[in-house]
């Protein structure tokens, strides 16, 4: 089957081909070439952290303590603690 490359460097892949290799809209591909052909390889992109790890990071951030917008407000807090 022949397809035309658009002005925006896009090409439509026939539905039959997508179904045969098990890909769906929104899936990611590695794009490479062998000097003569363009090769699309389906890829799975994982988040850097799992959902559980994100929850743990959020919990640690909450436990980290009070944050100050300015150095002056942090200094004022420290002065009150030493009274």
PDB file of N, CA and C in Angstrom:
ATOM      1  N   UNK A   1       0.847  -1.171   0.000  1.00  0.00           N
ATOM      2  CA  UNK A   1       0.000   0.000   0.000  1.00  0.00           C
ATOM      3  C   UNK A   1       0.897   1.240   0.000  1.00  0.00           C
ATOM      4  N   UNK A   2       0.565   2.206  -0.794  1.00  0.00           N
ATOM      5  CA  UNK A   2       1.357   3.432  -0.921  1.00  0.00           C
ATOM      6  C   UNK A   2       0.636   4.569  -0.196  1.00  0.00           C
ATOM      7  N   UNK A   3       1.400   5.344   0.556  1.00  0.00           N
ATOM      8  CA  UNK A   3       0.884   6.525   1.263  1.00  0.00           C
ATOM      9  C   UNK A   3       1.747   7.715   0.898  1.00  0.00           C
ATOM     10  N   UNK A   4       1.157   8.910   0.968  1.00  0.00           N
ATOM     11  CA  UNK A   4       1.867  10.144   0.637  1.00  0.00           C
ATOM     12  C   UNK A   4       2.281  10.865   1.917  1.00  0.00           C
ATOM     13  N   UNK A   5       3.506  11.350   1.952  1.00  0.00           N
ATOM     14  CA  UNK A   5       4.012  12.154   3.059  1.00  0.00           C
ATOM     15  C   UNK A   5       3.444  13.556   2.919  1.00  0.00           C
ATOM     16  N   UNK A   6       2.860  14.093   3.995  1.00  0.00           N
ATOM     17  CA  UNK A   6       2.251  15.421   3.933  1.00  0.00           C
ATOM     18  C   UNK A   6       3.297  16.514   4.097  1.00  0.00           C
ATOM     19  N   UNK A   7       2.867  17.747   3.904  1.00  0.00           N
ATOM     20  CA  UNK A   7       3.743  18.915   4.076  1.00  0.00           C
ATOM     21  C   UNK A   7       4.295  18.998   5.498  1.00  0.00           C
ATOM     22  N   UNK A   8       3.546  18.454   6.460  1.00  0.00           N
ATOM     23  CA  UNK A   8       3.959  18.502   7.869  1.00  0.00           C
ATOM     24  C   UNK A   8       4.716  17.243   8.288  1.00  0.00           C
ATOM     25  N   UNK A   9       5.235  16.512   7.316  1.00  0.00           N
ATOM     26  CA  UNK A   9       6.023  15.289   7.556  1.00  0.00           C
ATOM     27  C   UNK A   9       5.227  14.196   8.259  1.00  0.00           C
ATOM     28  N   UNK A  10       3.924  14.114   7.979  1.00  0.00           N
ATOM     29  CA  UNK A  10       3.069  13.076   8.555  1.00  0.00           C
ATOM     30  C   UNK A  10       2.688  12.070   7.483  1.00  0.00           C
ATOM     31  N   UNK A  11       2.379  10.872   7.944  1.00  0.00           N
ATOM     32  CA  UNK A  11       1.900   9.829   7.043  1.00  0.00           C
ATOM     33  C   UNK A  11       0.850   9.015   7.789  1.00  0.00           C
ATOM     34  N   UNK A  12      -0.208   8.614   7.111  1.00  0.00           N
ATOM     35  CA  UNK A  12      -1.248   7.781   7.722  1.00  0.00           C
ATOM     36  C   UNK A  12      -0.867   6.319   7.562  1.00  0.00           C
ATOM     37  N   UNK A  13      -0.927   5.584   8.670  1.00  0.00           N
ATOM     38  CA  UNK A  13      -0.631   4.154   8.634  1.00  0.00           C
ATOM     39  C   UNK A  13      -1.963   3.415   8.552  1.00  0.00           C
ATOM     40  N   UNK A  14      -2.118   2.510   7.600  1.00  0.00           N
ATOM     41  CA  UNK A  14      -3.383   1.792   7.457  1.00  0.00           C
ATOM     42  C   UNK A  14      -3.789   1.056   8.738  1.00  0.00           C
ATOM     43  N   UNK A  15      -5.074   1.096   9.029  1.00  0.00           N
ATOM     44  CA  UNK A  15      -5.625   0.483  10.235  1.00  0.00           C
ATOM     45  C   UNK A  15      -5.249  -0.998  10.333  1.00  0.00           C
ATOM     46  N   UNK A  16      -5.272  -1.691   9.198  1.00  0.00           N
ATOM     47  CA  UNK A  16      -4.943  -3.124   9.197  1.00  0.00           C
ATOM     48  C   UNK A  16      -3.527  -3.369   9.718  1.00  0.00           C
ATOM     49  N   UNK A  17      -2.591  -2.509   9.328  1.00  0.00           N
ATOM     50  CA  UNK A  17      -1.211  -2.648   9.801  1.00  0.00           C
ATOM     51  C   UNK A  17      -1.120  -2.381  11.298  1.00  0.00           C
ATOM     52  N   UNK A  18      -1.826  -1.362  11.762  1.00  0.00           N
ATOM     53  CA  UNK A  18      -1.807  -1.035  13.188  1.00  0.00           C
ATOM     54  C   UNK A  18      -2.382  -2.178  14.013  1.00  0.00           C
ATOM     55  N   UNK A  19      -3.498  -2.737  13.560  1.00  0.00           N
ATOM     56  CA  UNK A  19      -4.126  -3.852  14.280  1.00  0.00           C
ATOM     57  C   UNK A  19      -3.221  -5.081  14.280  1.00  0.00           C
ATOM     58  N   UNK A  20      -2.555  -5.344  13.170  1.00  0.00           N
ATOM     59  CA  UNK A  20      -1.699  -6.523  13.048  1.00  0.00           C
ATOM     60  C   UNK A  20      -0.546  -6.487  14.056  1.00  0.00           C
ATOM     61  N   UNK A  21       0.002  -5.300  14.308  1.00  0.00           N
ATOM     62  CA  UNK A  21       1.124  -5.199  15.262  1.00  0.00           C
ATOM     63  C   UNK A  21       0.667  -4.797  16.659  1.00  0.00           C
ATOM     64  N   UNK A  22      -0.639  -4.558  16.828  1.00  0.00           N
ATOM     65  CA  UNK A  22      -1.186  -4.301  18.165  1.00  0.00           C
ATOM     66  C   UNK A  22      -0.930  -2.919  18.722  1.00  0.00           C
ATOM     67  N   UNK A  23      -0.885  -1.909  17.874  1.00  0.00           N
ATOM     68  CA  UNK A  23      -0.707  -0.542  18.370  1.00  0.00           C
ATOM     69  C   UNK A  23      -2.006   0.236  18.233  1.00  0.00           C
ATOM     70  N   UNK A  24      -2.107   1.291  19.043  1.00  0.00           N
ATOM     71  CA  UNK A  24      -3.314   2.106  19.084  1.00  0.00           C
ATOM     72  C   UNK A  24      -2.940   3.579  19.060  1.00  0.00           C
ATOM     73  N   UNK A  25      -3.911   4.444  18.734  1.00  0.00           N
ATOM     74  CA  UNK A  25      -3.632   5.886  18.794  1.00  0.00           C
ATOM     75  C   UNK A  25      -3.102   6.264  20.177  1.00  0.00           C
ATOM     76  N   UNK A  26      -2.070   7.091  20.208  1.00  0.00           N
ATOM     77  CA  UNK A  26      -1.459   7.517  21.469  1.00  0.00           C
ATOM     78  C   UNK A  26      -0.220   6.715  21.833  1.00  0.00           C
ATOM     79  N   UNK A  27      -0.007   5.564  21.179  1.00  0.00           N
ATOM     80  CA  UNK A  27       1.189   4.773  21.457  1.00  0.00           C
ATOM     81  C   UNK A  27       2.430   5.509  20.945  1.00  0.00           C
ATOM     82  N   UNK A  28       3.587   5.152  21.507  1.00  0.00           N
ATOM     83  CA  UNK A  28       4.854   5.764  21.124  1.00  0.00           C
ATOM     84  C   UNK A  28       5.655   4.818  20.237  1.00  0.00           C
ATOM     85  N   UNK A  29       6.503   5.418  19.390  1.00  0.00           N
ATOM     86  CA  UNK A  29       7.346   4.651  18.488  1.00  0.00           C
ATOM     87  C   UNK A  29       8.757   5.205  18.507  1.00  0.00           C
ATOM     88  N   UNK A  30       9.727   4.312  18.389  1.00  0.00           N
ATOM     89  CA  UNK A  30      11.098   4.723  18.110  1.00  0.00           C
ATOM     90  C   UNK A  30      11.186   4.841  16.591  1.00  0.00           C
ATOM     91  N   UNK A  31      11.736   5.934  16.106  1.00  0.00           N
ATOM     92  CA  UNK A  31      11.872   6.145  14.666  1.00  0.00           C
ATOM     93  C   UNK A  31      13.350   6.038  14.315  1.00  0.00           C
ATOM     94  N   UNK A  32      13.665   5.120  13.403  1.00  0.00           N
ATOM     95  CA  UNK A  32      15.047   4.948  12.961  1.00  0.00           C
ATOM     96  C   UNK A  32      15.042   4.667  11.457  1.00  0.00           C
ATOM     97  N   UNK A  33      16.217   4.534  10.894  1.00  0.00           N
ATOM     98  CA  UNK A  33      16.298   4.177   9.474  1.00  0.00           C
ATOM     99  C   UNK A  33      17.538   3.330   9.259  1.00  0.00           C
ATOM    100  N   UNK A  34      17.527   2.604   8.157  1.00  0.00           N
ATOM    101  CA  UNK A  34      18.683   1.779   7.810  1.00  0.00           C
ATOM    102  C   UNK A  34      19.387   2.315   6.567  1.00  0.00           C
ATOM    103  N   UNK A  35      19.148   3.595   6.265  1.00  0.00           N
ATOM    104  CA  UNK A  35      19.744   4.212   5.095  1.00  0.00           C
ATOM    105  C   UNK A  35      18.867   4.115   3.861  1.00  0.00           C
ATOM    106  N   UNK A  36      17.887   3.230   3.920  1.00  0.00           N
ATOM    107  CA  UNK A  36      16.995   3.040   2.783  1.00  0.00           C
ATOM    108  C   UNK A  36      15.529   3.037   3.197  1.00  0.00           C
ATOM    109  N   UNK A  37      15.272   2.568   4.427  1.00  0.00           N
ATOM    110  CA  UNK A  37      13.904   2.458   4.934  1.00  0.00           C
ATOM    111  C   UNK A  37      13.772   3.186   6.261  1.00  0.00           C
ATOM    112  N   UNK A  38      12.591   3.718   6.522  1.00  0.00           N
ATOM    113  CA  UNK A  38      12.265   4.300   7.823  1.00  0.00           C
ATOM    114  C   UNK A  38      11.606   3.196   8.635  1.00  0.00           C
ATOM    115  N   UNK A  39      12.080   3.002   9.858  1.00  0.00           N
ATOM    116  CA  UNK A  39      11.606   1.910  10.704  1.00  0.00           C
ATOM    117  C   UNK A  39      10.907   2.489  11.928  1.00  0.00           C
ATOM    118  N   UNK A  40       9.668   2.083  12.155  1.00  0.00           N
ATOM    119  CA  UNK A  40       8.896   2.475  13.331  1.00  0.00           C
ATOM    120  C   UNK A  40       8.814   1.271  14.257  1.00  0.00           C
ATOM    121  N   UNK A  41       9.320   1.404  15.481  1.00  0.00           N
ATOM    122  CA  UNK A  41       9.285   0.319  16.452  1.00  0.00           C
ATOM    123  C   UNK A  41       8.440   0.759  17.640  1.00  0.00           C
ATOM    124  N   UNK A  42       7.319   0.058  17.919  1.00  0.00           N
ATOM    125  CA  UNK A  42       6.483   0.433  19.063  1.00  0.00           C
ATOM    126  C   UNK A  42       7.297   0.383  20.357  1.00  0.00           C
ATOM    127  N   UNK A  43       7.094   1.387  21.208  1.00  0.00           N
ATOM    128  CA  UNK A  43       7.819   1.473  22.476  1.00  0.00           C
ATOM    129  C   UNK A  43       6.854   1.781  23.610  1.00  0.00           C
ATOM    130  N   UNK A  44       7.221   1.336  24.808  1.00  0.00           N
ATOM    131  CA  UNK A  44       6.478   1.668  26.017  1.00  0.00           C
ATOM    132  C   UNK A  44       7.299   2.708  26.764  1.00  0.00           C
ATOM    133  N   UNK A  45       6.675   3.823  27.109  1.00  0.00           N
ATOM    134  CA  UNK A  45       7.353   4.886  27.842  1.00  0.00           C
ATOM    135  C   UNK A  45       6.884   4.816  29.289  1.00  0.00           C
ATOM    136  N   UNK A  46       7.815   4.548  30.197  1.00  0.00           N
ATOM    137  CA  UNK A  46       7.481   4.467  31.621  1.00  0.00           C
ATOM    138  C   UNK A  46       7.744   5.796  32.293  1.00  0.00           C
ATOM    139  N   UNK A  47       6.908   6.105  33.284  1.00  0.00           N
ATOM    140  CA  UNK A  47       7.164   7.279  34.101  1.00  0.00           C
ATOM    141  C   UNK A  47       8.457   7.053  34.863  1.00  0.00           C
ATOM    142  N   UNK A  48       9.139   8.144  35.180  1.00  0.00           N
ATOM    143  CA  UNK A  48      10.385   8.040  35.919  1.00  0.00           C
ATOM    144  C   UNK A  48      10.137   7.436  37.309  1.00  0.00           C
ATOM    145  N   UNK A  49       8.983   7.764  37.901  1.00  0.00           N
ATOM    146  CA  UNK A  49       8.612   7.231  39.204  1.00  0.00           C
ATOM    147  C   UNK A  49       7.255   6.551  39.097  1.00  0.00           C
ATOM    148  N   UNK A  50       7.060   5.494  39.877  1.00  0.00           N
ATOM    149  CA  UNK A  50       5.761   4.830  39.927  1.00  0.00           C
ATOM    150  C   UNK A  50       4.804   5.693  40.746  1.00  0.00           C
ATOM    151  N   UNK A  51       3.524   5.365  40.687  1.00  0.00           N
ATOM    152  CA  UNK A  51       2.523   6.110  41.466  1.00  0.00           C
ATOM    153  C   UNK A  51       2.856   6.053  42.953  1.00  0.00           C
ATOM    154  N   UNK A  52       3.279   4.875  43.429  1.00  0.00           N
ATOM    155  CA  UNK A  52       3.636   4.718  44.844  1.00  0.00           C
ATOM    156  C   UNK A  52       4.834   5.604  45.198  1.00  0.00           C
ATOM    157  N   UNK A  53       5.827   5.662  44.310  1.00  0.00           N
ATOM    158  CA  UNK A  53       7.001   6.505  44.565  1.00  0.00           C
ATOM    159  C   UNK A  53       6.621   7.983  44.602  1.00  0.00           C
ATOM    160  N   UNK A  54       5.695   8.417  43.708  1.00  0.00           N
ATOM    161  CA  UNK A  54       5.243   9.811  43.735  1.00  0.00           C
ATOM    162  C   UNK A  54       4.570  10.120  45.067  1.00  0.00           C
ATOM    163  N   UNK A  55       3.755   9.175  45.572  1.00  0.00           N
ATOM    164  CA  UNK A  55       3.083   9.377  46.860  1.00  0.00           C
ATOM    165  C   UNK A  55       4.103   9.492  47.986  1.00  0.00           C
ATOM    166  N   UNK A  56       5.136   8.643  47.958  1.00  0.00           N
ATOM    167  CA  UNK A  56       6.186   8.704  48.977  1.00  0.00           C
ATOM    168  C   UNK A  56       6.946  10.028  48.908  1.00  0.00           C
ATOM    169  N   UNK A  57       7.234  10.496  47.700  1.00  0.00           N
ATOM    170  CA  UNK A  57       7.917  11.786  47.546  1.00  0.00           C
ATOM    171  C   UNK A  57       7.062  12.930  48.077  1.00  0.00           C
ATOM    172  N   UNK A  58       5.763  12.892  47.808  1.00  0.00           N
ATOM    173  CA  UNK A  58       4.864  13.933  48.308  1.00  0.00           C
ATOM    174  C   UNK A  58       4.825  13.911  49.827  1.00  0.00           C
ATOM    175  N   UNK A  59       4.804  12.713  50.399  1.00  0.00           N
ATOM    176  CA  UNK A  59       4.791  12.580  51.851  1.00  0.00           C
ATOM    177  C   UNK A  59       6.079  13.140  52.462  1.00  0.00           C
ATOM    178  N   UNK A  60       7.210  12.836  51.855  1.00  0.00           N
ATOM    179  CA  UNK A  60       8.488  13.366  52.349  1.00  0.00           C
ATOM    180  C   UNK A  60       8.533  14.889  52.256  1.00  0.00           C
ATOM    181  N   UNK A  61       7.980  15.428  51.187  1.00  0.00           N
ATOM    182  CA  UNK A  61       7.970  16.885  51.015  1.00  0.00           C
ATOM    183  C   UNK A  61       7.143  17.546  52.109  1.00  0.00           C
ATOM    184  N   UNK A  62       6.031  16.927  52.479  1.00  0.00           N
ATOM    185  CA  UNK A  62       5.192  17.487  53.545  1.00  0.00           C
ATOM    186  C   UNK A  62       5.919  17.440  54.883  1.00  0.00           C
ATOM    187  N   UNK A  63       6.688  16.364  55.105  1.00  0.00           N
ATOM    188  CA  UNK A  63       7.403  16.199  56.368  1.00  0.00           C
ATOM    189  C   UNK A  63       8.652  17.074  56.443  1.00  0.00           C
ATOM    190  N   UNK A  64       9.077  17.623  55.317  1.00  0.00           N
ATOM    191  CA  UNK A  64      10.326  18.380  55.257  1.00  0.00           C
ATOM    192  C   UNK A  64      10.308  19.610  56.148  1.00  0.00           C
ATOM    193  N   UNK A  65       9.144  20.103  56.447  1.00  0.00           N
ATOM    194  CA  UNK A  65       9.063  21.250  57.328  1.00  0.00           C
ATOM    195  C   UNK A  65       8.551  22.485  56.638  1.00  0.00           C
ATOM    196  N   UNK A  66       8.492  23.549  57.423  1.00  0.00           N
ATOM    197  CA  UNK A  66       7.955  24.812  56.938  1.00  0.00           C
ATOM    198  C   UNK A  66       8.890  25.425  55.899  1.00  0.00           C
ATOM    199  N   UNK A  67       8.292  26.000  54.896  1.00  0.00           N
ATOM    200  CA  UNK A  67       9.055  26.696  53.857  1.00  0.00           C
ATOM    201  C   UNK A  67       8.829  28.199  54.011  1.00  0.00           C
ATOM    202  N   UNK A  68       9.855  28.968  53.752  1.00  0.00           N
ATOM    203  CA  UNK A  68       9.782  30.416  53.879  1.00  0.00           C
ATOM    204  C   UNK A  68       9.948  31.069  52.521  1.00  0.00           C
ATOM    205  N   UNK A  69       9.188  32.131  52.305  1.00  0.00           N
ATOM    206  CA  UNK A  69       9.259  32.826  51.022  1.00  0.00           C
ATOM    207  C   UNK A  69      10.486  33.713  50.925  1.00  0.00           C
ATOM    208  N   UNK A  70      10.943  34.219  52.065  1.00  0.00           N
ATOM    209  CA  UNK A  70      12.110  35.103  52.059  1.00  0.00           C
ATOM    210  C   UNK A  70      13.070  34.701  53.172  1.00  0.00           C
ATOM    211  N   UNK A  71      14.308  35.107  53.022  1.00  0.00           N
ATOM    212  CA  UNK A  71      15.299  34.852  54.064  1.00  0.00           C
ATOM    213  C   UNK A  71      14.933  35.599  55.338  1.00  0.00           C
ATOM    214  N   UNK A  72      14.347  36.778  55.185  1.00  0.00           N
ATOM    215  CA  UNK A  72      13.962  37.576  56.356  1.00  0.00           C
ATOM    216  C   UNK A  72      12.912  36.855  57.190  1.00  0.00           C
ATOM    217  N   UNK A  73      11.945  36.224  56.536  1.00  0.00           N
ATOM    218  CA  UNK A  73      10.913  35.521  57.302  1.00  0.00           C
ATOM    219  C   UNK A  73      11.494  34.287  57.989  1.00  0.00           C
ATOM    220  N   UNK A  74      12.462  33.621  57.373  1.00  0.00           N
ATOM    221  CA  UNK A  74      13.119  32.479  58.006  1.00  0.00           C
ATOM    222  C   UNK A  74      13.930  32.945  59.211  1.00  0.00           C
ATOM    223  N   UNK A  75      14.638  34.058  59.064  1.00  0.00           N
ATOM    224  CA  UNK A  75      15.439  34.599  60.164  1.00  0.00           C
ATOM    225  C   UNK A  75      14.550  34.995  61.334  1.00  0.00           C
ATOM    226  N   UNK A  76      13.420  35.613  61.033  1.00  0.00           N
ATOM    227  CA  UNK A  76      12.484  36.025  62.075  1.00  0.00           C
ATOM    228  C   UNK A  76      11.980  34.805  62.848  1.00  0.00           C
ATOM    229  N   UNK A  77      11.681  33.725  62.128  1.00  0.00           N
ATOM    230  CA  UNK A  77      11.221  32.505  62.786  1.00  0.00           C
ATOM    231  C   UNK A  77      12.305  31.945  63.706  1.00  0.00           C
ATOM    232  N   UNK A  78      13.556  31.923  63.237  1.00  0.00           N
ATOM    233  CA  UNK A  78      14.654  31.419  64.055  1.00  0.00           C
ATOM    234  C   UNK A  78      14.861  32.271  65.308  1.00  0.00           C
ATOM    235  N   UNK A  79      14.707  33.573  65.171  1.00  0.00           N
ATOM    236  CA  UNK A  79      14.850  34.461  66.327  1.00  0.00           C
ATOM    237  C   UNK A  79      13.780  34.168  67.363  1.00  0.00           C
ATOM    238  N   UNK A  80      12.555  33.894  66.909  1.00  0.00           N
ATOM    239  CA  UNK A  80      11.472  33.567  67.845  1.00  0.00           C
ATOM    240  C   UNK A  80      11.744  32.247  68.561  1.00  0.00           C
ATOM    241  N   UNK A  81      12.352  31.304  67.860  1.00  0.00           N
ATOM    242  CA  UNK A  81      12.654  30.014  68.476  1.00  0.00           C
ATOM    243  C   UNK A  81      13.710  30.141  69.566  1.00  0.00           C
ATOM    244  N   UNK A  82      14.638  31.075  69.421  1.00  0.00           N
ATOM    245  CA  UNK A  82      15.722  31.218  70.392  1.00  0.00           C
ATOM    246  C   UNK A  82      15.352  32.094  71.584  1.00  0.00           C
ATOM    247  N   UNK A  83      14.144  32.649  71.604  1.00  0.00           N
ATOM    248  CA  UNK A  83      13.727  33.521  72.721  1.00  0.00           C
ATOM    249  C   UNK A  83      13.450  32.725  73.970  1.00  0.00           C
TER     250      UNK A  83
END
